[in-house]
Amino acid sequence: YNLVKKYGLTQFDSGAYTIPRQKIIIGDKTFFTDSLKVEVNNVV
């Protein structure tokens, strides 16, 4: 199976943020995704 799970994310304060690692459980095993950086800019 190829499973794709999507999430809608946002932030209401400007700045540089890091999305933390996410935990996925497959059977009796635990996997973690990589952390990702996001830049939130002010609206001119």
All heavy atoms as atom14 arrays in JSON, in Angstrom:
{
  "sequence": "YNLVKKYGLTQFDSGAYTIPRQKIIIGDKTFFTDSLKVEVNNVV",
  "atom14_mask": [
    [1, 1, 1, 1, 1, 1, 1, 1, 1, 1, 1, 1, 0, 0],
    [1, 1, 1, 1, 1, 1, 1, 1, 0, 0, 0, 0, 0, 0],
    [1, 1, 1, 1, 1, 1, 1, 1, 0, 0, 0, 0, 0, 0],
    [1, 1, 1, 1, 1, 1, 1, 0, 0, 0, 0, 0, 0, 0],
    [1, 1, 1, 1, 1, 1, 1, 1, 1, 0, 0, 0, 0, 0],
    [1, 1, 1, 1, 1, 1, 1, 1, 1, 0, 0, 0, 0, 0],
    [1, 1, 1, 1, 1, 1, 1, 1, 1, 1, 1, 1, 0, 0],
    [1, 1, 1, 1, 0, 0, 0, 0, 0, 0, 0, 0, 0, 0],
    [1, 1, 1, 1, 1, 1, 1, 1, 0, 0, 0, 0, 0, 0],
    [1, 1, 1, 1, 1, 1, 1, 0, 0, 0, 0, 0, 0, 0],
    [1, 1, 1, 1, 1, 1, 1, 1, 1, 0, 0, 0, 0, 0],
    [1, 1, 1, 1, 1, 1, 1, 1, 1, 1, 1, 0, 0, 0],
    [1, 1, 1, 1, 1, 1, 1, 1, 0, 0, 0, 0, 0, 0],
    [1, 1, 1, 1, 1, 1, 0, 0, 0, 0, 0, 0, 0, 0],
    [1, 1, 1, 1, 0, 0, 0, 0, 0, 0, 0, 0, 0, 0],
    [1, 1, 1, 1, 1, 0, 0, 0, 0, 0, 0, 0, 0, 0],
    [1, 1, 1, 1, 1, 1, 1, 1, 1, 1, 1, 1, 0, 0],
    [1, 1, 1, 1, 1, 1, 1, 0, 0, 0, 0, 0, 0, 0],
    [1, 1, 1, 1, 1, 1, 1, 1, 0, 0, 0, 0, 0, 0],
    [1, 1, 1, 1, 1, 1, 1, 0, 0, 0, 0, 0, 0, 0],
    [1, 1, 1, 1, 1, 1, 1, 1, 1, 1, 1, 0, 0, 0],
    [1, 1, 1, 1, 1, 1, 1, 1, 1, 0, 0, 0, 0, 0],
    [1, 1, 1, 1, 1, 1, 1, 1, 1, 0, 0, 0, 0, 0],
    [1, 1, 1, 1, 1, 1, 1, 1, 0, 0, 0, 0, 0, 0],
    [1, 1, 1, 1, 1, 1, 1, 1, 0, 0, 0, 0, 0, 0],
    [1, 1, 1, 1, 1, 1, 1, 1, 0, 0, 0, 0, 0, 0],
    [1, 1, 1, 1, 0, 0, 0, 0, 0, 0, 0, 0, 0, 0],
    [1, 1, 1, 1, 1, 1, 1, 1, 0, 0, 0, 0, 0, 0],
    [1, 1, 1, 1, 1, 1, 1, 1, 1, 0, 0, 0, 0, 0],
    [1, 1, 1, 1, 1, 1, 1, 0, 0, 0, 0, 0, 0, 0],
    [1, 1, 1, 1, 1, 1, 1, 1, 1, 1, 1, 0, 0, 0],
    [1, 1, 1, 1, 1, 1, 1, 1, 1, 1, 1, 0, 0, 0],
    [1, 1, 1, 1, 1, 1, 1, 0, 0, 0, 0, 0, 0, 0],
    [1, 1, 1, 1, 1, 1, 1, 1, 0, 0, 0, 0, 0, 0],
    [1, 1, 1, 1, 1, 1, 0, 0, 0, 0, 0, 0, 0, 0],
    [1, 1, 1, 1, 1, 1, 1, 1, 0, 0, 0, 0, 0, 0],
    [1, 1, 1, 1, 1, 1, 1, 1, 1, 0, 0, 0, 0, 0],
    [1, 1, 1, 1, 1, 1, 1, 0, 0, 0, 0, 0, 0, 0],
    [1, 1, 1, 1, 1, 1, 1, 1, 1, 0, 0, 0, 0, 0],
    [1, 1, 1, 1, 1, 1, 1, 0, 0, 0, 0, 0, 0, 0],
    [1, 1, 1, 1, 1, 1, 1, 1, 0, 0, 0, 0, 0, 0],
    [1, 1, 1, 1, 1, 1, 1, 1, 0, 0, 0, 0, 0, 0],
    [1, 1, 1, 1, 1, 1, 1, 0, 0, 0, 0, 0, 0, 0],
    [1, 1, 1, 1, 1, 1, 1, 0, 0, 0, 0, 0, 0, 0]
  ],
  "atom14_positions": [
    [[0.85, -1.19, 0.0], [0.0, 0.0, 0.0], [0.88, 1.24, 0.0], [1.92, 1.29, 0.67], [-0.89, 0.04, 1.25], [-2.15, -0.77, 1.13], [-2.61, -1.52, 2.21], [-2.9, -0.75, -0.04], [-3.77, -2.26, 2.12], [-4.06, -1.49, -0.14], [-4.5, -2.24, 0.94], [-5.65, -2.97, 0.84], [0.0, 0.0, 0.0], [0.0, 0.0, 0.0]],
    [[0.44, 2.24, -0.73], [1.08, 3.56, -0.68], [0.05, 4.51, -0.07], [-0.95, 4.86, -0.69], [1.5, 4.01, -2.08], [2.29, 5.31, -2.03], [2.92, 5.61, -1.03], [2.23, 6.08, -3.11], [0.0, 0.0, 0.0], [0.0, 0.0, 0.0], [0.0, 0.0, 0.0], [0.0, 0.0, 0.0], [0.0, 0.0, 0.0], [0.0, 0.0, 0.0]],
    [[0.29, 4.94, 1.18], [-0.64, 5.78, 1.93], [-0.12, 7.21, 1.98], [1.04, 7.45, 2.32], [-0.83, 5.26, 3.35], [-1.21, 3.78, 3.49], [-1.29, 3.4, 4.96], [-2.52, 3.5, 2.79], [0.0, 0.0, 0.0], [0.0, 0.0, 0.0], [0.0, 0.0, 0.0], [0.0, 0.0, 0.0], [0.0, 0.0, 0.0], [0.0, 0.0, 0.0]],
    [[-0.98, 8.18, 1.7], [-0.61, 9.6, 1.74], [-1.6, 10.31, 2.67], [-2.81, 10.29, 2.44], [-0.64, 10.23, 0.35], [-0.29, 11.72, 0.45], [0.32, 9.53, -0.59], [0.0, 0.0, 0.0], [0.0, 0.0, 0.0], [0.0, 0.0, 0.0], [0.0, 0.0, 0.0], [0.0, 0.0, 0.0], [0.0, 0.0, 0.0], [0.0, 0.0, 0.0]],
    [[-1.07, 10.91, 3.75], [-1.87, 11.66, 4.71], [-1.47, 13.12, 4.63], [-0.3, 13.46, 4.74], [-1.66, 11.12, 6.13], [-2.36, 11.88, 7.23], [-3.84, 11.69, 7.2], [-4.5, 12.35, 8.41], [-5.96, 12.26, 8.37], [0.0, 0.0, 0.0], [0.0, 0.0, 0.0], [0.0, 0.0, 0.0], [0.0, 0.0, 0.0], [0.0, 0.0, 0.0]],
    [[-2.48, 14.01, 4.47], [-2.21, 15.44, 4.33], [-2.84, 16.21, 5.5], [-3.91, 15.84, 6.0], [-2.78, 15.96, 3.01], [-2.11, 15.39, 1.77], [-2.68, 15.99, 0.5], [-2.0, 15.42, -0.74], [-2.54, 16.02, -1.98], [0.0, 0.0, 0.0], [0.0, 0.0, 0.0], [0.0, 0.0, 0.0], [0.0, 0.0, 0.0], [0.0, 0.0, 0.0]],
    [[-2.11, 17.27, 5.9], [-2.57, 18.15, 6.97], [-2.49, 19.6, 6.5], [-1.52, 19.97, 5.82], [-1.74, 18.0, 8.24], [-1.73, 16.6, 8.81], [-0.76, 15.67, 8.39], [-2.64, 16.21, 9.78], [-0.75, 14.39, 8.92], [-2.61, 14.92, 10.31], [-1.66, 14.02, 9.87], [-1.64, 12.75, 10.4], [0.0, 0.0, 0.0], [0.0, 0.0, 0.0]],
    [[-3.47, 20.4, 6.88], [-3.43, 21.84, 6.61], [-2.9, 22.56, 7.83], [-3.49, 22.47, 8.92], [0.0, 0.0, 0.0], [0.0, 0.0, 0.0], [0.0, 0.0, 0.0], [0.0, 0.0, 0.0], [0.0, 0.0, 0.0], [0.0, 0.0, 0.0], [0.0, 0.0, 0.0], [0.0, 0.0, 0.0], [0.0, 0.0, 0.0], [0.0, 0.0, 0.0]],
    [[-1.77, 23.29, 7.71], [-1.12, 23.97, 8.83], [-1.04, 25.47, 8.56], [-1.03, 25.91, 7.4], [0.29, 23.42, 9.06], [0.45, 21.9, 9.17], [1.92, 21.55, 9.38], [-0.39, 21.34, 10.29], [0.0, 0.0, 0.0], [0.0, 0.0, 0.0], [0.0, 0.0, 0.0], [0.0, 0.0, 0.0], [0.0, 0.0, 0.0], [0.0, 0.0, 0.0]],
    [[-0.97, 26.25, 9.64], [-0.8, 27.69, 9.5], [-0.2, 28.25, 10.78], [-0.07, 27.53, 11.79], [-2.14, 28.39, 9.21], [-1.89, 29.76, 8.84], [-3.05, 28.38, 10.43], [0.0, 0.0, 0.0], [0.0, 0.0, 0.0], [0.0, 0.0, 0.0], [0.0, 0.0, 0.0], [0.0, 0.0, 0.0], [0.0, 0.0, 0.0], [0.0, 0.0, 0.0]],
    [[0.16, 29.54, 10.74], [0.73, 30.24, 11.89], [0.36, 31.72, 11.76], [0.39, 32.28, 10.66], [2.26, 30.06, 11.95], [2.96, 30.85, 13.03], [2.42, 30.59, 14.42], [1.68, 31.39, 14.96], [2.81, 29.45, 15.0], [0.0, 0.0, 0.0], [0.0, 0.0, 0.0], [0.0, 0.0, 0.0], [0.0, 0.0, 0.0], [0.0, 0.0, 0.0]],
    [[0.01, 32.34, 12.89], [-0.46, 33.72, 12.86], [0.54, 34.7, 13.44], [0.22, 35.87, 13.64], [-1.79, 33.82, 13.62], [-2.88, 33.0, 13.01], [-3.18, 31.73, 13.49], [-3.61, 33.48, 11.92], [-4.19, 30.96, 12.92], [-4.62, 32.71, 11.35], [-4.91, 31.46, 11.85], [0.0, 0.0, 0.0], [0.0, 0.0, 0.0], [0.0, 0.0, 0.0]],
    [[1.75, 34.24, 13.71], [2.84, 35.12, 14.14], [4.01, 34.93, 13.18], [4.34, 33.79, 12.79], [3.28, 34.8, 15.57], [2.23, 35.2, 16.58], [1.59, 36.24, 16.38], [2.06, 34.47, 17.57], [0.0, 0.0, 0.0], [0.0, 0.0, 0.0], [0.0, 0.0, 0.0], [0.0, 0.0, 0.0], [0.0, 0.0, 0.0], [0.0, 0.0, 0.0]],
    [[4.62, 36.03, 12.8], [5.75, 35.94, 11.87], [6.97, 35.38, 12.59], [7.1, 35.46, 13.81], [6.06, 37.32, 11.3], [6.41, 38.22, 12.34], [0.0, 0.0, 0.0], [0.0, 0.0, 0.0], [0.0, 0.0, 0.0], [0.0, 0.0, 0.0], [0.0, 0.0, 0.0], [0.0, 0.0, 0.0], [0.0, 0.0, 0.0], [0.0, 0.0, 0.0]],
    [[7.87, 34.81, 11.79], [9.1, 34.27, 12.35], [9.5, 32.98, 11.65], [8.81, 32.49, 10.75], [0.0, 0.0, 0.0], [0.0, 0.0, 0.0], [0.0, 0.0, 0.0], [0.0, 0.0, 0.0], [0.0, 0.0, 0.0], [0.0, 0.0, 0.0], [0.0, 0.0, 0.0], [0.0, 0.0, 0.0], [0.0, 0.0, 0.0], [0.0, 0.0, 0.0]],
    [[10.64, 32.44, 12.08], [11.13, 31.17, 11.54], [10.75, 30.06, 12.5], [11.06, 30.12, 13.7], [12.64, 31.22, 11.36], [0.0, 0.0, 0.0], [0.0, 0.0, 0.0], [0.0, 0.0, 0.0], [0.0, 0.0, 0.0], [0.0, 0.0, 0.0], [0.0, 0.0, 0.0], [0.0, 0.0, 0.0], [0.0, 0.0, 0.0], [0.0, 0.0, 0.0]],
    [[10.05, 29.05, 12.01], [9.54, 27.97, 12.84], [10.04, 26.62, 12.33], [10.37, 26.47, 11.15], [8.01, 27.97, 12.85], [7.41, 29.22, 13.44], [7.05, 30.3, 12.62], [7.21, 29.34, 14.81], [6.51, 31.45, 13.17], [6.66, 30.48, 15.36], [6.31, 31.54, 14.54], [5.77, 32.67, 15.08], [0.0, 0.0, 0.0], [0.0, 0.0, 0.0]],
    [[10.06, 25.68, 13.25], [10.44, 24.3, 12.91], [9.28, 23.38, 13.22], [8.83, 23.31, 14.37], [11.68, 23.87, 13.71], [12.77, 24.74, 13.4], [12.06, 22.44, 13.36], [0.0, 0.0, 0.0], [0.0, 0.0, 0.0], [0.0, 0.0, 0.0], [0.0, 0.0, 0.0], [0.0, 0.0, 0.0], [0.0, 0.0, 0.0], [0.0, 0.0, 0.0]],
    [[8.81, 22.69, 12.19], [7.78, 21.68, 12.42], [8.46, 20.46, 13.03], [9.37, 19.89, 12.43], [7.07, 21.3, 11.11], [6.44, 22.54, 10.47], [6.02, 20.23, 11.35], [5.82, 22.27, 9.11], [0.0, 0.0, 0.0], [0.0, 0.0, 0.0], [0.0, 0.0, 0.0], [0.0, 0.0, 0.0], [0.0, 0.0, 0.0], [0.0, 0.0, 0.0]],
    [[8.06, 20.06, 14.22], [8.76, 18.95, 14.9], [8.56, 17.62, 14.18], [7.67, 17.48, 13.33], [8.13, 18.93, 16.29], [6.78, 19.53, 16.1], [6.94, 20.57, 15.03], [0.0, 0.0, 0.0], [0.0, 0.0, 0.0], [0.0, 0.0, 0.0], [0.0, 0.0, 0.0], [0.0, 0.0, 0.0], [0.0, 0.0, 0.0], [0.0, 0.0, 0.0]],
    [[9.4, 16.67, 14.53], [9.26, 15.32, 13.98], [7.9, 14.75, 14.35], [7.4, 14.98, 15.44], [10.36, 14.42, 14.53], [11.76, 14.86, 14.15], [12.78, 13.8, 14.59], [12.64, 13.49, 16.02], [13.15, 12.41, 16.6], [13.79, 11.51, 15.87], [13.0, 12.21, 17.89], [0.0, 0.0, 0.0], [0.0, 0.0, 0.0], [0.0, 0.0, 0.0]],
    [[7.33, 14.0, 13.43], [6.03, 13.4, 13.65], [6.18, 11.88, 13.81], [6.99, 11.26, 13.13], [5.09, 13.71, 12.49], [4.81, 15.19, 12.3], [4.17, 15.8, 13.52], [3.15, 15.31, 14.01], [4.77, 16.88, 14.04], [0.0, 0.0, 0.0], [0.0, 0.0, 0.0], [0.0, 0.0, 0.0], [0.0, 0.0, 0.0], [0.0, 0.0, 0.0]],
    [[5.4, 11.33, 14.72], [5.49, 9.91, 15.04], [4.44, 9.14, 14.26], [3.26, 9.47, 14.29], [5.29, 9.71, 16.54], [5.39, 8.25, 16.98], [5.39, 8.13, 18.5], [4.08, 8.57, 19.08], [4.02, 8.34, 20.55], [0.0, 0.0, 0.0], [0.0, 0.0, 0.0], [0.0, 0.0, 0.0], [0.0, 0.0, 0.0], [0.0, 0.0, 0.0]],
    [[4.91, 8.11, 13.53], [4.01, 7.23, 12.79], [4.23, 5.81, 13.3], [5.37, 5.34, 13.39], [4.25, 7.3, 11.27], [3.96, 8.71, 10.75], [3.37, 6.29, 10.54], [5.16, 9.59, 10.69], [0.0, 0.0, 0.0], [0.0, 0.0, 0.0], [0.0, 0.0, 0.0], [0.0, 0.0, 0.0], [0.0, 0.0, 0.0], [0.0, 0.0, 0.0]],
    [[3.16, 5.14, 13.61], [3.23, 3.76, 14.11], [2.77, 2.84, 12.99], [1.65, 2.97, 12.47], [2.38, 3.57, 15.36], [2.85, 4.52, 16.47], [2.41, 2.12, 15.83], [1.98, 4.49, 17.7], [0.0, 0.0, 0.0], [0.0, 0.0, 0.0], [0.0, 0.0, 0.0], [0.0, 0.0, 0.0], [0.0, 0.0, 0.0], [0.0, 0.0, 0.0]],
    [[3.64, 1.89, 12.62], [3.32, 0.9, 11.58], [3.47, -0.48, 12.22], [4.57, -0.91, 12.55], [4.24, 1.03, 10.37], [4.17, 2.45, 9.8], [3.88, 0.01, 9.3], [5.14, 2.71, 8.67], [0.0, 0.0, 0.0], [0.0, 0.0, 0.0], [0.0, 0.0, 0.0], [0.0, 0.0, 0.0], [0.0, 0.0, 0.0], [0.0, 0.0, 0.0]],
    [[2.33, -1.14, 12.41], [2.37, -2.42, 13.12], [2.8, -2.18, 14.55], [2.2, -1.39, 15.27], [0.0, 0.0, 0.0], [0.0, 0.0, 0.0], [0.0, 0.0, 0.0], [0.0, 0.0, 0.0], [0.0, 0.0, 0.0], [0.0, 0.0, 0.0], [0.0, 0.0, 0.0], [0.0, 0.0, 0.0], [0.0, 0.0, 0.0], [0.0, 0.0, 0.0]],
    [[3.87, -2.84, 14.96], [4.42, -2.62, 16.3], [5.72, -1.84, 16.25], [6.49, -1.83, 17.21], [4.64, -3.97, 16.99], [5.57, -4.89, 16.18], [5.89, -4.53, 15.04], [5.95, -5.95, 16.71], [0.0, 0.0, 0.0], [0.0, 0.0, 0.0], [0.0, 0.0, 0.0], [0.0, 0.0, 0.0], [0.0, 0.0, 0.0], [0.0, 0.0, 0.0]],
    [[5.99, -1.15, 15.16], [7.19, -0.34, 14.97], [6.83, 1.13, 14.96], [5.74, 1.52, 14.53], [7.93, -0.72, 13.68], [8.27, -2.2, 13.55], [9.25, -2.65, 14.62], [9.61, -4.14, 14.44], [10.54, -4.6, 15.49], [0.0, 0.0, 0.0], [0.0, 0.0, 0.0], [0.0, 0.0, 0.0], [0.0, 0.0, 0.0], [0.0, 0.0, 0.0]],
    [[7.74, 1.98, 15.42], [7.55, 3.42, 15.47], [8.57, 4.1, 14.56], [9.77, 3.8, 14.62], [7.7, 3.96, 16.9], [6.73, 3.31, 17.73], [7.45, 5.46, 16.94], [0.0, 0.0, 0.0], [0.0, 0.0, 0.0], [0.0, 0.0, 0.0], [0.0, 0.0, 0.0], [0.0, 0.0, 0.0], [0.0, 0.0, 0.0], [0.0, 0.0, 0.0]],
    [[8.09, 5.02, 13.72], [8.95, 5.77, 12.81], [8.75, 7.25, 13.07], [7.68, 7.68, 13.53], [8.6, 5.47, 11.34], [8.83, 4.04, 10.93], [7.87, 3.06, 11.19], [10.02, 3.67, 10.31], [8.09, 1.75, 10.83], [10.24, 2.35, 9.95], [9.27, 1.39, 10.21], [0.0, 0.0, 0.0], [0.0, 0.0, 0.0], [0.0, 0.0, 0.0]],
    [[9.79, 8.04, 12.78], [9.71, 9.49, 12.93], [10.1, 10.16, 11.61], [11.04, 9.75, 10.94], [10.65, 9.98, 14.04], [10.18, 9.61, 15.42], [10.62, 8.44, 16.02], [9.29, 10.43, 16.1], [10.18, 8.09, 17.29], [8.86, 10.09, 17.38], [9.31, 8.92, 17.96], [0.0, 0.0, 0.0], [0.0, 0.0, 0.0], [0.0, 0.0, 0.0]],
    [[9.35, 11.21, 11.27], [9.69, 12.0, 10.08], [10.79, 12.98, 10.43], [11.13, 13.17, 11.61], [8.46, 12.75, 9.57], [8.06, 13.71, 10.57], [7.3, 11.81, 9.3], [0.0, 0.0, 0.0], [0.0, 0.0, 0.0], [0.0, 0.0, 0.0], [0.0, 0.0, 0.0], [0.0, 0.0, 0.0], [0.0, 0.0, 0.0], [0.0, 0.0, 0.0]],
    [[11.34, 13.62, 9.42], [12.33, 14.67, 9.65], [11.62, 15.97, 10.02], [10.48, 16.22, 9.62], [13.18, 14.9, 8.39], [14.04, 13.69, 8.05], [14.41, 12.96, 9.0], [14.31, 13.46, 6.85], [0.0, 0.0, 0.0], [0.0, 0.0, 0.0], [0.0, 0.0, 0.0], [0.0, 0.0, 0.0], [0.0, 0.0, 0.0], [0.0, 0.0, 0.0]],
    [[12.29, 16.79, 10.84], [11.74, 18.11, 11.14], [11.94, 19.02, 9.93], [12.93, 18.9, 9.19], [12.42, 18.7, 12.38], [13.82, 18.78, 12.17], [0.0, 0.0, 0.0], [0.0, 0.0, 0.0], [0.0, 0.0, 0.0], [0.0, 0.0, 0.0], [0.0, 0.0, 0.0], [0.0, 0.0, 0.0], [0.0, 0.0, 0.0], [0.0, 0.0, 0.0]],
    [[11.02, 19.95, 9.73], [11.04, 20.84, 8.57], [10.95, 22.28, 9.02], [10.23, 22.6, 9.97], [9.88, 20.52, 7.63], [9.83, 19.08, 7.08], [8.54, 18.85, 6.31], [11.05, 18.81, 6.2], [0.0, 0.0, 0.0], [0.0, 0.0, 0.0], [0.0, 0.0, 0.0], [0.0, 0.0, 0.0], [0.0, 0.0, 0.0], [0.0, 0.0, 0.0]],
    [[11.67, 23.16, 8.33], [11.68, 24.59, 8.67], [10.72, 25.35, 7.76], [10.62, 25.07, 6.57], [13.08, 25.16, 8.54], [14.05, 24.64, 9.6], [15.4, 25.34, 9.52], [16.33, 24.85, 10.63], [17.63, 25.55, 10.59], [0.0, 0.0, 0.0], [0.0, 0.0, 0.0], [0.0, 0.0, 0.0], [0.0, 0.0, 0.0], [0.0, 0.0, 0.0]],
    [[10.01, 26.32, 8.39], [9.05, 27.15, 7.66], [9.28, 28.6, 8.05], [9.46, 28.91, 9.23], [7.6, 26.74, 7.99], [6.61, 27.64, 7.26], [7.35, 25.3, 7.62], [0.0, 0.0, 0.0], [0.0, 0.0, 0.0], [0.0, 0.0, 0.0], [0.0, 0.0, 0.0], [0.0, 0.0, 0.0], [0.0, 0.0, 0.0], [0.0, 0.0, 0.0]],
    [[9.24, 29.48, 7.06], [9.38, 30.91, 7.29], [8.0, 31.54, 7.15], [7.31, 31.38, 6.12], [10.34, 31.52, 6.27], [10.7, 32.96, 6.55], [11.73, 33.11, 7.66], [12.47, 32.12, 7.92], [11.78, 34.19, 8.28], [0.0, 0.0, 0.0], [0.0, 0.0, 0.0], [0.0, 0.0, 0.0], [0.0, 0.0, 0.0], [0.0, 0.0, 0.0]],
    [[7.55, 32.27, 8.19], [6.26, 32.95, 8.17], [6.52, 34.45, 8.07], [7.16, 35.02, 8.96], [5.42, 32.62, 9.42], [4.07, 33.34, 9.37], [5.2, 31.12, 9.55], [0.0, 0.0, 0.0], [0.0, 0.0, 0.0], [0.0, 0.0, 0.0], [0.0, 0.0, 0.0], [0.0, 0.0, 0.0], [0.0, 0.0, 0.0], [0.0, 0.0, 0.0]],
    [[6.06, 35.06, 7.01], [6.35, 36.47, 6.73], [5.14, 37.34, 7.03], [3.99, 36.91, 6.96], [6.74, 36.65, 5.26], [7.94, 35.79, 4.89], [8.95, 35.79, 5.58], [7.82, 35.01, 3.81], [0.0, 0.0, 0.0], [0.0, 0.0, 0.0], [0.0, 0.0, 0.0], [0.0, 0.0, 0.0], [0.0, 0.0, 0.0], [0.0, 0.0, 0.0]],
    [[5.43, 38.6, 7.38], [4.36, 39.57, 7.61], [3.66, 39.89, 6.29], [4.23, 39.78, 5.2], [4.93, 40.86, 8.2], [5.3, 40.69, 9.66], [4.55, 40.08, 10.42], [6.45, 41.22, 10.06], [0.0, 0.0, 0.0], [0.0, 0.0, 0.0], [0.0, 0.0, 0.0], [0.0, 0.0, 0.0], [0.0, 0.0, 0.0], [0.0, 0.0, 0.0]],
    [[2.42, 40.32, 6.4], [1.65, 40.75, 5.24], [1.8, 42.26, 5.11], [1.47, 43.0, 6.05], [0.17, 40.37, 5.38], [-0.64, 40.87, 4.19], [0.03, 38.86, 5.52], [0.0, 0.0, 0.0], [0.0, 0.0, 0.0], [0.0, 0.0, 0.0], [0.0, 0.0, 0.0], [0.0, 0.0, 0.0], [0.0, 0.0, 0.0], [0.0, 0.0, 0.0]],
    [[2.32, 42.71, 3.99], [2.53, 44.14, 3.76], [1.2, 44.76, 3.36], [0.52, 44.31, 2.44], [3.59, 44.38, 2.67], [3.78, 45.87, 2.44], [4.9, 43.72, 3.07], [0.0, 0.0, 0.0], [0.0, 0.0, 0.0], [0.0, 0.0, 0.0], [0.0, 0.0, 0.0], [0.0, 0.0, 0.0], [0.0, 0.0, 0.0], [0.0, 0.0, 0.0]]
  ]
}
